[in-house]
């Protein structure tokens, strides 16, 4: 287990990205608030879907405003605005929380067609870490191969995850958003936090 010192993440520049697993937004916002309170500087990024779709979990405009309030910065919501992240070395680490199966597949295959996938691609050009907090109903089915691919790529680190409802959703898995700060701290040292799969 990685133990965080009081100021371990102070001043660390974190790209903080959300994709469309709307049911985990509350957990993601709480994690972002914790990172901010630990002194990290957050640069918010949202996929097209995360930034635009209203669901039973809330309105897109409200989600954007909340993320902007937490981070103190305007959300990056276009591919063009995400592209300079890498060349300008704006982030020490990029976090995708939540990361959907759709986004995981795109990252595994090098597809860059959303602000979030562009942010990750741009960030990776400098060989800096990317932290993935998976959240998908098919983590142990269709998405399994893409999770496996990403776990074997250099510079990718996963927030520990587990099956969230093995009775009614046996293929579903969700990251433990409470472990995002610890996963970031480990990733900055080039280490995958363990155990990766929790029960």
Protein backbone atom coordinates (compact mmCIF):
# COMPACT_ATOMS: atom_id res chain seq x y z
CA UNK A 1 0.00 0.00 0.00
CA UNK A 2 1.30 3.46 -0.90
CA UNK A 3 1.21 5.88 2.01
CA UNK A 4 0.82 9.51 1.07
CA UNK A 5 2.85 12.08 2.94
CA UNK A 6 1.05 15.31 3.72
CA UNK A 7 2.55 17.22 0.79
CA UNK A 8 3.28 14.38 -1.68
CA UNK A 9 0.94 15.79 -4.34
CA UNK A 10 1.36 19.47 -3.52
CA UNK A 11 2.11 21.37 -6.71
CA UNK A 12 1.71 18.28 -8.91
CA UNK A 13 0.00 19.25 -12.17
CA UNK A 14 -2.77 16.75 -12.86
CA UNK A 15 -4.80 16.57 -16.05
CA UNK A 16 -8.16 15.39 -14.73
CA UNK A 17 -10.40 13.83 -17.35
CA UNK A 18 -13.98 12.55 -17.24
CA UNK A 19 -15.64 10.28 -19.78
CA UNK A 20 -19.27 9.19 -19.94
CA UNK A 21 -19.69 6.75 -17.07
CA UNK A 22 -22.14 9.16 -15.49
CA UNK A 23 -23.03 6.94 -12.53
CA UNK A 24 -19.52 7.45 -11.12
CA UNK A 25 -19.31 11.23 -11.55
CA UNK A 26 -20.02 11.88 -7.86
CA UNK A 27 -17.10 9.66 -6.87
CA UNK A 28 -14.90 11.38 -9.44
CA UNK A 29 -15.81 14.85 -8.19
CA UNK A 30 -15.01 13.76 -4.63
CA UNK A 31 -11.62 12.46 -5.78
CA UNK A 32 -10.90 15.71 -7.60
CA UNK A 33 -11.77 17.69 -4.48
CA UNK A 34 -9.41 15.54 -2.42
CA UNK A 35 -6.59 16.08 -4.90
CA UNK A 36 -7.20 19.83 -4.87
CA UNK A 37 -7.21 19.87 -1.07
CA UNK A 38 -3.87 18.02 -1.12
CA UNK A 39 -2.39 20.92 -3.07
CA UNK A 40 -2.47 19.47 -6.58
CA UNK A 41 -3.17 21.73 -9.56
CA UNK A 42 -5.95 20.27 -11.72
CA UNK A 43 -6.50 20.82 -15.43
CA UNK A 44 -10.03 19.60 -16.28
CA UNK A 45 -10.79 17.72 -19.50
CA UNK A 46 -14.05 16.11 -20.61
CA UNK A 47 -14.92 13.82 -23.50
CA UNK A 48 -17.59 15.04 -25.90
CA UNK A 49 -20.19 12.79 -24.26
CA UNK A 50 -19.26 13.68 -20.70
CA UNK A 51 -19.49 17.38 -21.54
CA UNK A 52 -22.73 17.30 -23.50
CA UNK A 53 -25.15 14.53 -22.46
CA UNK A 54 -27.88 15.07 -19.86
CA UNK A 55 -28.75 11.90 -17.94
CA UNK A 56 -30.65 10.79 -14.84
CA UNK A 57 -27.41 11.50 -12.98
CA UNK A 58 -27.54 15.20 -13.82
CA UNK A 59 -27.28 17.83 -16.52
CA UNK A 60 -24.12 18.18 -18.55
CA UNK A 61 -23.91 21.92 -17.92
CA UNK A 62 -24.06 21.35 -14.18
CA UNK A 63 -21.30 18.74 -14.36
CA UNK A 64 -19.07 21.10 -16.29
CA UNK A 65 -19.69 23.92 -13.84
CA UNK A 66 -18.96 21.67 -10.89
CA UNK A 67 -15.69 20.46 -12.34
CA UNK A 68 -14.69 24.02 -13.16
CA UNK A 69 -15.51 25.11 -9.61
CA UNK A 70 -13.41 22.31 -8.13
CA UNK A 71 -10.41 22.95 -10.39
CA UNK A 72 -10.69 26.71 -10.77
CA UNK A 73 -10.21 26.35 -14.52
CA UNK A 74 -12.36 26.13 -17.62
CA UNK A 75 -12.98 22.59 -18.85
CA UNK A 76 -11.07 21.59 -21.97
CA UNK A 77 -13.84 20.28 -24.19
CA UNK A 78 -12.45 20.45 -27.74
CA UNK A 79 -9.75 18.46 -29.50
CA UNK A 80 -7.99 21.67 -30.49
CA UNK A 81 -7.77 22.89 -26.91
CA UNK A 82 -6.47 19.50 -25.71
CA UNK A 83 -3.64 19.20 -28.26
CA UNK A 84 -1.17 21.64 -26.58
CA UNK A 85 -1.14 19.64 -23.31
CA UNK A 86 1.81 17.55 -24.45
CA UNK A 87 3.90 20.07 -26.41
CA UNK A 88 3.61 22.60 -23.58
CA UNK A 89 4.11 19.90 -20.91
CA UNK A 90 1.13 21.20 -18.98
CA UNK A 91 0.69 18.09 -16.80
CA UNK A 92 2.90 15.83 -14.72
CA UNK A 93 0.27 13.08 -14.83
CA UNK A 94 -3.01 12.55 -16.69
CA UNK A 95 -5.97 10.93 -14.91
CA UNK A 96 -9.02 9.48 -16.66
CA UNK A 97 -11.70 9.03 -13.98
CA UNK A 98 -14.04 7.54 -14.97
CA UNK A 99 -12.69 5.76 -18.03
CA UNK A 100 -15.41 4.01 -20.05
CA UNK A 101 -14.97 0.89 -22.17
CA UNK A 102 -15.35 3.11 -25.22
CA UNK A 103 -12.46 5.35 -24.19
CA UNK A 104 -10.33 2.40 -23.07
CA UNK A 105 -10.77 0.84 -26.53
CA UNK A 106 -9.77 4.07 -28.24
CA UNK A 107 -6.68 4.46 -26.06
CA UNK A 108 -5.69 0.83 -26.65
CA UNK A 109 -5.97 1.29 -30.42
CA UNK A 110 -4.51 4.80 -30.63
CA UNK A 111 -7.76 6.43 -31.75
CA UNK A 112 -7.83 10.17 -31.09
CA UNK A 113 -11.30 11.57 -31.73
CA UNK A 114 -12.35 13.23 -28.45
CA UNK A 115 -10.81 15.95 -26.27
CA UNK A 116 -9.94 13.32 -23.67
CA UNK A 117 -8.22 10.89 -26.05
CA UNK A 118 -6.31 13.81 -27.56
CA UNK A 119 -5.29 14.96 -24.08
CA UNK A 120 -3.90 11.51 -23.27
CA UNK A 121 -2.15 11.12 -26.61
CA UNK A 122 -0.63 14.58 -26.37
CA UNK A 123 0.46 14.01 -22.77
CA UNK A 124 2.09 10.65 -23.61
CA UNK A 125 4.46 12.19 -26.14
CA UNK A 126 6.61 13.25 -23.18
CA UNK A 127 6.54 9.77 -21.64
CA UNK A 128 4.58 10.91 -18.59
CA UNK A 129 2.18 8.68 -16.64
CA UNK A 130 -1.50 8.15 -17.36
CA UNK A 131 -3.76 6.88 -14.56
CA UNK A 132 -6.92 5.00 -15.56
CA UNK A 133 -9.96 4.59 -13.27
CA UNK A 134 -12.00 2.06 -15.21
CA UNK A 135 -15.79 2.04 -14.98
CA UNK A 136 -17.67 -0.22 -17.37
CA UNK A 137 -20.34 -2.90 -17.46
CA UNK A 138 -18.22 -5.12 -19.73
CA UNK A 139 -14.80 -4.99 -18.07
CA UNK A 140 -14.77 -8.78 -17.86
CA UNK A 141 -16.30 -9.23 -21.30
CA UNK A 142 -15.80 -7.11 -24.43
CA UNK A 143 -13.55 -4.56 -22.73
CA UNK A 144 -11.28 -7.11 -21.06
CA UNK A 145 -8.84 -7.27 -23.96
CA UNK A 146 -8.47 -3.49 -24.07
CA UNK A 147 -7.87 -3.26 -20.32
CA UNK A 148 -5.23 -5.95 -20.75
CA UNK A 149 -3.60 -4.06 -23.61
CA UNK A 150 -3.44 -0.83 -21.61
CA UNK A 151 -2.09 -2.60 -18.54
CA UNK A 152 0.80 -3.82 -20.70
CA UNK A 153 1.56 -0.43 -22.26
CA UNK A 154 4.33 1.70 -20.81
CA UNK A 155 3.21 4.76 -18.85
CA UNK A 156 -0.30 3.45 -18.09
CA UNK A 157 -1.28 2.80 -14.48
CA UNK A 158 -4.63 1.57 -13.17
CA UNK A 159 -6.55 2.57 -10.09
CA UNK A 160 -7.38 -0.73 -8.32
CA UNK A 161 -10.77 -2.05 -9.39
CA UNK A 162 -13.28 -4.76 -8.52
CA UNK A 163 -16.60 -6.20 -9.62
CA UNK A 164 -19.24 -3.78 -8.39
CA UNK A 165 -22.25 -6.12 -8.62
CA UNK A 166 -21.29 -9.70 -9.46
CA UNK A 167 -24.88 -10.96 -9.09
CA UNK A 168 -26.77 -8.76 -11.53
CA UNK A 169 -23.79 -7.40 -13.54
CA UNK A 170 -21.16 -10.17 -13.55
CA UNK A 171 -18.99 -8.51 -16.21
CA UNK A 172 -18.98 -5.07 -14.61
CA UNK A 173 -16.02 -3.53 -12.80
CA UNK A 174 -15.41 -0.13 -11.23
CA UNK A 175 -12.25 1.45 -9.88
CA UNK A 176 -11.95 2.43 -6.23
CA UNK A 177 -12.01 6.20 -6.71
CA UNK A 178 -10.83 6.65 -3.14
CA UNK A 179 -7.45 5.24 -4.22
CA UNK A 180 -6.85 7.76 -7.01
CA UNK A 181 -4.38 9.88 -4.99
CA UNK A 182 -2.38 6.82 -3.94
CA UNK A 183 -2.35 5.51 -7.50
CA UNK A 184 -1.09 8.86 -8.78
CA UNK A 185 1.68 8.97 -6.18
CA UNK A 186 2.81 5.48 -7.17
CA UNK A 187 2.57 6.25 -10.90
CA UNK A 188 4.78 9.31 -10.49
CA UNK A 189 7.40 6.90 -9.15
CA UNK A 190 6.82 4.50 -12.05
CA UNK A 191 5.04 1.92 -9.88
CA UNK A 192 1.66 0.21 -10.31
CA UNK A 193 -0.15 0.24 -6.97
CA UNK A 194 -0.98 -3.25 -5.74
CA UNK A 195 -3.07 -5.28 -5.39
CA UNK A 196 -4.62 -4.17 -8.64
CA UNK A 197 -7.77 -6.32 -8.45
CA UNK A 198 -9.63 -5.93 -5.18
CA UNK A 199 -12.45 -7.96 -3.65
